[in-house]
Protein backbone atom coordinates (compact mmCIF):
# COMPACT_ATOMS: atom_id res chain seq x y z
CA UNK A 1 -64.69 1.17 58.21
CA UNK A 2 -63.03 4.37 59.45
CA UNK A 3 -64.57 6.17 62.29
CA UNK A 4 -66.85 9.12 61.43
CA UNK A 5 -64.86 12.33 61.41
CA UNK A 6 -65.05 15.82 59.85
CA UNK A 7 -62.67 15.92 56.80
CA UNK A 8 -60.57 19.05 56.29
CA UNK A 9 -61.47 19.06 52.66
CA UNK A 10 -65.26 18.97 51.78
CA UNK A 11 -65.82 15.76 49.76
CA UNK A 12 -68.95 14.32 48.06
CA UNK A 13 -69.82 11.11 49.65
CA UNK A 14 -70.80 8.13 47.53
CA UNK A 15 -74.45 8.31 48.62
CA UNK A 16 -74.64 12.04 47.69
CA UNK A 17 -72.87 11.78 44.34
CA UNK A 18 -74.86 12.97 41.37
CA UNK A 19 -74.16 13.86 37.74
CA UNK A 20 -70.62 13.66 36.58
CA UNK A 21 -69.24 12.84 39.92
CA UNK A 22 -71.52 9.84 40.22
CA UNK A 23 -70.52 8.71 36.75
CA UNK A 24 -66.84 8.84 37.75
CA UNK A 25 -67.43 7.11 40.96
CA UNK A 26 -69.32 4.36 39.17
CA UNK A 27 -66.69 3.99 36.46
CA UNK A 28 -64.00 3.67 39.20
CA UNK A 29 -66.21 1.09 41.20
CA UNK A 30 -66.60 -1.08 37.92
CA UNK A 31 -62.97 -0.90 37.10
CA UNK A 32 -61.71 -1.51 40.60
CA UNK A 33 -64.23 -4.02 41.68
CA UNK A 34 -64.67 -2.09 45.09
CA UNK A 35 -67.69 -0.63 46.51
CA UNK A 36 -66.63 2.58 48.18
CA UNK A 37 -64.66 5.34 46.76
CA UNK A 38 -61.49 5.93 48.79
CA UNK A 39 -61.36 9.20 50.72
CA UNK A 40 -58.12 10.06 49.01
CA UNK A 41 -59.89 10.13 45.59
CA UNK A 42 -62.97 11.91 47.11
CA UNK A 43 -60.68 14.88 47.93
CA UNK A 44 -61.06 15.64 44.18
CA UNK A 45 -64.81 15.16 43.98
CA UNK A 46 -65.77 18.78 43.34
CA UNK A 47 -63.77 18.57 40.04
CA UNK A 48 -64.98 15.31 38.34
CA UNK A 49 -62.88 16.07 35.33
CA UNK A 50 -59.85 16.37 37.40
CA UNK A 51 -60.77 13.42 39.56
CA UNK A 52 -60.97 11.26 36.25
CA UNK A 53 -57.44 12.45 35.35
CA UNK A 54 -56.14 11.60 38.89
CA UNK A 55 -57.72 8.11 38.54
CA UNK A 56 -56.15 7.60 35.11
CA UNK A 57 -52.70 8.74 36.43
CA UNK A 58 -52.83 6.58 39.42
CA UNK A 59 -53.72 3.50 37.25
CA UNK A 60 -50.81 4.23 35.02
CA UNK A 61 -48.18 5.00 37.84
CA UNK A 62 -49.27 2.90 40.82
CA UNK A 63 -51.23 0.09 39.17
CA UNK A 64 -49.33 -0.99 36.24
CA UNK A 65 -46.18 -3.04 35.75
CA UNK A 66 -42.90 -1.19 35.05
CA UNK A 67 -39.58 -1.07 36.64
CA UNK A 68 -41.29 -2.22 39.79
CA UNK A 69 -44.09 -4.71 39.92
CA UNK A 70 -47.40 -3.58 41.08
CA UNK A 71 -47.02 -5.74 44.14
CA UNK A 72 -43.89 -3.87 45.12
CA UNK A 73 -45.34 -0.55 44.49
CA UNK A 74 -48.34 -1.39 46.59
CA UNK A 75 -46.05 -2.52 49.37
CA UNK A 76 -44.11 0.67 49.38
CA UNK A 77 -47.41 2.66 49.26
CA UNK A 78 -48.70 0.71 52.34
CA UNK A 79 -45.35 1.18 54.18
CA UNK A 80 -45.20 4.88 53.64
CA UNK A 81 -49.02 5.30 54.61
CA UNK A 82 -48.18 3.35 57.79
CA UNK A 83 -45.23 5.63 58.51
CA UNK A 84 -47.30 8.74 57.98
CA UNK A 85 -50.30 7.23 60.02
CA UNK A 86 -52.34 7.85 56.86
CA UNK A 87 -55.72 5.95 56.90
CA UNK A 88 -55.63 5.57 53.05
């Protein structure tokens, strides 16, 4: 679990999500099998319509097979995140 800190972008946390945001969060949880929304996705929480588009785009680009395997894409993403000291 990441340490508590103030985000530069106001996000809607899982426990405070209602309405459309809660629906998008729940659909993401069901699809991913994970319990908590990643902070990088919560950055779009004030626009649940756009958040859904970001999730759809991400699933297509990052989490599908293509010229690179999903495993290779995730390895590259992890390496770039580490280089940038990004917690996501």
